[in-house]
């Protein structure tokens, strides 16, 4: 997680330039599967 966080923030900033969406980021040190990122979102289509 530490090595990926800078890149994660850069990608996030590219997609949310105008709207600063609320987010929560948790670092989980051990997962049962090799998952790098899991996202849960609530979105509204225009």
PDB file of N, CA and C in Angstrom:
ATOM      1  N   UNK A   1       0.815  -1.191   0.000  1.00  0.00           N
ATOM      2  CA  UNK A   1       0.000   0.000   0.000  1.00  0.00           C
ATOM      3  C   UNK A   1       0.863   1.261   0.000  1.00  0.00           C
ATOM      4  N   UNK A   2       1.887   1.294   0.831  1.00  0.00           N
ATOM      5  CA  UNK A   2       2.727   2.496   0.900  1.00  0.00           C
ATOM      6  C   UNK A   2       3.355   2.822  -0.448  1.00  0.00           C
ATOM      7  N   UNK A   3       3.800   1.806  -1.158  1.00  0.00           N
ATOM      8  CA  UNK A   3       4.465   2.059  -2.440  1.00  0.00           C
ATOM      9  C   UNK A   3       3.489   2.458  -3.534  1.00  0.00           C
ATOM     10  N   UNK A   4       2.196   2.152  -3.376  1.00  0.00           N
ATOM     11  CA  UNK A   4       1.190   2.447  -4.394  1.00  0.00           C
ATOM     12  C   UNK A   4       0.396   3.722  -4.125  1.00  0.00           C
ATOM     13  N   UNK A   5       0.495   4.291  -2.926  1.00  0.00           N
ATOM     14  CA  UNK A   5      -0.402   5.376  -2.543  1.00  0.00           C
ATOM     15  C   UNK A   5      -0.197   6.639  -3.379  1.00  0.00           C
ATOM     16  N   UNK A   6       1.032   6.989  -3.710  1.00  0.00           N
ATOM     17  CA  UNK A   6       1.297   8.177  -4.531  1.00  0.00           C
ATOM     18  C   UNK A   6       0.638   8.034  -5.904  1.00  0.00           C
ATOM     19  N   UNK A   7       0.815   6.890  -6.544  1.00  0.00           N
ATOM     20  CA  UNK A   7       0.191   6.642  -7.844  1.00  0.00           C
ATOM     21  C   UNK A   7      -1.322   6.634  -7.766  1.00  0.00           C
ATOM     22  N   UNK A   8      -1.853   6.064  -6.698  1.00  0.00           N
ATOM     23  CA  UNK A   8      -3.305   6.038  -6.471  1.00  0.00           C
ATOM     24  C   UNK A   8      -3.844   7.466  -6.399  1.00  0.00           C
ATOM     25  N   UNK A   9      -3.172   8.339  -5.664  1.00  0.00           N
ATOM     26  CA  UNK A   9      -3.603   9.732  -5.552  1.00  0.00           C
ATOM     27  C   UNK A   9      -3.525  10.466  -6.882  1.00  0.00           C
ATOM     28  N   UNK A  10      -2.507  10.202  -7.681  1.00  0.00           N
ATOM     29  CA  UNK A  10      -2.373  10.848  -8.986  1.00  0.00           C
ATOM     30  C   UNK A  10      -3.507  10.440  -9.917  1.00  0.00           C
ATOM     31  N   UNK A  11      -3.821   9.170  -9.959  1.00  0.00           N
ATOM     32  CA  UNK A  11      -4.919   8.684 -10.804  1.00  0.00           C
ATOM     33  C   UNK A  11      -6.248   9.244 -10.317  1.00  0.00           C
ATOM     34  N   UNK A  12      -6.453   9.249  -9.014  1.00  0.00           N
ATOM     35  CA  UNK A  12      -7.676   9.791  -8.419  1.00  0.00           C
ATOM     36  C   UNK A  12      -7.847  11.262  -8.814  1.00  0.00           C
ATOM     37  N   UNK A  13      -6.784  12.053  -8.711  1.00  0.00           N
ATOM     38  CA  UNK A  13      -6.834  13.481  -9.041  1.00  0.00           C
ATOM     39  C   UNK A  13      -7.159  13.709 -10.513  1.00  0.00           C
ATOM     40  N   UNK A  14      -6.714  12.827 -11.402  1.00  0.00           N
ATOM     41  CA  UNK A  14      -7.023  12.958 -12.830  1.00  0.00           C
ATOM     42  C   UNK A  14      -8.507  12.765 -13.112  1.00  0.00           C
ATOM     43  N   UNK A  15      -9.175  11.940 -12.344  1.00  0.00           N
ATOM     44  CA  UNK A  15     -10.584  11.637 -12.580  1.00  0.00           C
ATOM     45  C   UNK A  15     -11.534  12.541 -11.801  1.00  0.00           C
ATOM     46  N   UNK A  16     -11.048  13.203 -10.765  1.00  0.00           N
ATOM     47  CA  UNK A  16     -11.883  14.076  -9.946  1.00  0.00           C
ATOM     48  C   UNK A  16     -11.253  15.462  -9.861  1.00  0.00           C
ATOM     49  N   UNK A  17     -11.076  16.104 -11.031  1.00  0.00           N
ATOM     50  CA  UNK A  17     -10.448  17.420 -11.061  1.00  0.00           C
ATOM     51  C   UNK A  17     -11.369  18.506 -10.505  1.00  0.00           C
ATOM     52  N   UNK A  18     -12.623  18.534 -10.964  1.00  0.00           N
ATOM     53  CA  UNK A  18     -13.543  19.597 -10.571  1.00  0.00           C
ATOM     54  C   UNK A  18     -14.256  19.294  -9.264  1.00  0.00           C
ATOM     55  N   UNK A  19     -14.677  18.082  -9.091  1.00  0.00           N
ATOM     56  CA  UNK A  19     -15.420  17.685  -7.898  1.00  0.00           C
ATOM     57  C   UNK A  19     -14.474  16.922  -6.978  1.00  0.00           C
ATOM     58  N   UNK A  20     -14.301  17.409  -5.797  1.00  0.00           N
ATOM     59  CA  UNK A  20     -13.464  16.721  -4.822  1.00  0.00           C
ATOM     60  C   UNK A  20     -14.339  15.766  -4.018  1.00  0.00           C
ATOM     61  N   UNK A  21     -14.485  14.569  -4.531  1.00  0.00           N
ATOM     62  CA  UNK A  21     -15.341  13.563  -3.903  1.00  0.00           C
ATOM     63  C   UNK A  21     -14.758  13.111  -2.568  1.00  0.00           C
ATOM     64  N   UNK A  22     -15.641  12.800  -1.656  1.00  0.00           N
ATOM     65  CA  UNK A  22     -15.225  12.275  -0.361  1.00  0.00           C
ATOM     66  C   UNK A  22     -14.726  10.853  -0.535  1.00  0.00           C
ATOM     67  N   UNK A  23     -13.691  10.489   0.193  1.00  0.00           N
ATOM     68  CA  UNK A  23     -13.186   9.121   0.110  1.00  0.00           C
ATOM     69  C   UNK A  23     -12.564   8.705   1.430  1.00  0.00           C
ATOM     70  N   UNK A  24     -12.500   7.428   1.596  1.00  0.00           N
ATOM     71  CA  UNK A  24     -11.827   6.838   2.745  1.00  0.00           C
ATOM     72  C   UNK A  24     -10.860   5.802   2.206  1.00  0.00           C
ATOM     73  N   UNK A  25      -9.636   5.820   2.664  1.00  0.00           N
ATOM     74  CA  UNK A  25      -8.629   4.859   2.222  1.00  0.00           C
ATOM     75  C   UNK A  25      -8.118   4.100   3.436  1.00  0.00           C
ATOM     76  N   UNK A  26      -8.165   2.785   3.340  1.00  0.00           N
ATOM     77  CA  UNK A  26      -7.679   1.926   4.416  1.00  0.00           C
ATOM     78  C   UNK A  26      -6.569   1.035   3.881  1.00  0.00           C
ATOM     79  N   UNK A  27      -5.505   0.920   4.609  1.00  0.00           N
ATOM     80  CA  UNK A  27      -4.427   0.006   4.232  1.00  0.00           C
ATOM     81  C   UNK A  27      -4.644  -1.306   4.973  1.00  0.00           C
ATOM     82  N   UNK A  28      -4.840  -2.356   4.222  1.00  0.00           N
ATOM     83  CA  UNK A  28      -5.023  -3.689   4.796  1.00  0.00           C
ATOM     84  C   UNK A  28      -3.754  -4.476   4.479  1.00  0.00           C
ATOM     85  N   UNK A  29      -3.100  -4.970   5.482  1.00  0.00           N
ATOM     86  CA  UNK A  29      -1.803  -5.615   5.293  1.00  0.00           C
ATOM     87  C   UNK A  29      -1.885  -7.053   4.796  1.00  0.00           C
ATOM     88  N   UNK A  30      -3.002  -7.732   5.008  1.00  0.00           N
ATOM     89  CA  UNK A  30      -3.108  -9.126   4.566  1.00  0.00           C
ATOM     90  C   UNK A  30      -4.524  -9.397   4.077  1.00  0.00           C
ATOM     91  N   UNK A  31      -4.623  -9.901   2.868  1.00  0.00           N
ATOM     92  CA  UNK A  31      -5.909 -10.278   2.290  1.00  0.00           C
ATOM     93  C   UNK A  31      -5.848 -11.739   1.865  1.00  0.00           C
ATOM     94  N   UNK A  32      -6.986 -12.416   1.837  1.00  0.00           N
ATOM     95  CA  UNK A  32      -6.981 -13.825   1.445  1.00  0.00           C
ATOM     96  C   UNK A  32      -6.721 -14.039  -0.046  1.00  0.00           C
ATOM     97  N   UNK A  33      -6.868 -12.985  -0.854  1.00  0.00           N
ATOM     98  CA  UNK A  33      -6.608 -13.081  -2.294  1.00  0.00           C
ATOM     99  C   UNK A  33      -5.672 -11.940  -2.694  1.00  0.00           C
ATOM    100  N   UNK A  34      -5.018 -12.048  -3.835  1.00  0.00           N
ATOM    101  CA  UNK A  34      -4.071 -11.003  -4.249  1.00  0.00           C
ATOM    102  C   UNK A  34      -4.761  -9.771  -4.855  1.00  0.00           C
ATOM    103  N   UNK A  35      -5.580  -9.083  -4.078  1.00  0.00           N
ATOM    104  CA  UNK A  35      -6.295  -7.898  -4.541  1.00  0.00           C
ATOM    105  C   UNK A  35      -5.443  -6.667  -4.244  1.00  0.00           C
ATOM    106  N   UNK A  36      -5.225  -5.807  -5.247  1.00  0.00           N
ATOM    107  CA  UNK A  36      -4.462  -4.580  -5.029  1.00  0.00           C
ATOM    108  C   UNK A  36      -5.373  -3.442  -4.578  1.00  0.00           C
ATOM    109  N   UNK A  37      -6.555  -3.336  -5.211  1.00  0.00           N
ATOM    110  CA  UNK A  37      -7.479  -2.247  -4.900  1.00  0.00           C
ATOM    111  C   UNK A  37      -8.902  -2.773  -4.922  1.00  0.00           C
ATOM    112  N   UNK A  38      -9.677  -2.383  -3.939  1.00  0.00           N
ATOM    113  CA  UNK A  38     -11.110  -2.668  -3.938  1.00  0.00           C
ATOM    114  C   UNK A  38     -11.811  -1.339  -3.751  1.00  0.00           C
ATOM    115  N   UNK A  39     -12.801  -1.068  -4.599  1.00  0.00           N
ATOM    116  CA  UNK A  39     -13.527   0.197  -4.499  1.00  0.00           C
ATOM    117  C   UNK A  39     -15.011  -0.072  -4.345  1.00  0.00           C
ATOM    118  N   UNK A  40     -15.630   0.667  -3.450  1.00  0.00           N
ATOM    119  CA  UNK A  40     -17.081   0.664  -3.309  1.00  0.00           C
ATOM    120  C   UNK A  40     -17.515   2.098  -3.530  1.00  0.00           C
ATOM    121  N   UNK A  41     -18.449   2.301  -4.446  1.00  0.00           N
ATOM    122  CA  UNK A  41     -18.844   3.667  -4.780  1.00  0.00           C
ATOM    123  C   UNK A  41     -20.356   3.824  -4.794  1.00  0.00           C
ATOM    124  N   UNK A  42     -20.767   5.044  -4.559  1.00  0.00           N
ATOM    125  CA  UNK A  42     -22.145   5.462  -4.779  1.00  0.00           C
ATOM    126  C   UNK A  42     -22.042   6.598  -5.780  1.00  0.00           C
ATOM    127  N   UNK A  43     -22.682   6.455  -6.921  1.00  0.00           N
ATOM    128  CA  UNK A  43     -22.540   7.450  -7.979  1.00  0.00           C
ATOM    129  C   UNK A  43     -23.899   7.844  -8.537  1.00  0.00           C
ATOM    130  N   UNK A  44     -23.949   9.041  -9.077  1.00  0.00           N
ATOM    131  CA  UNK A  44     -25.159   9.545  -9.719  1.00  0.00           C
ATOM    132  C   UNK A  44     -24.807   9.881 -11.154  1.00  0.00           C
ATOM    133  N   UNK A  45     -25.543   9.310 -12.087  1.00  0.00           N
ATOM    134  CA  UNK A  45     -25.319   9.598 -13.498  1.00  0.00           C
ATOM    135  C   UNK A  45     -25.937  10.959 -13.832  1.00  0.00           C
ATOM    136  N   UNK A  46     -25.299  11.707 -14.723  1.00  0.00           N
ATOM    137  CA  UNK A  46     -25.852  13.026 -15.096  1.00  0.00           C
ATOM    138  C   UNK A  46     -27.198  12.911 -15.781  1.00  0.00           C
TER     139      UNK A  46
END
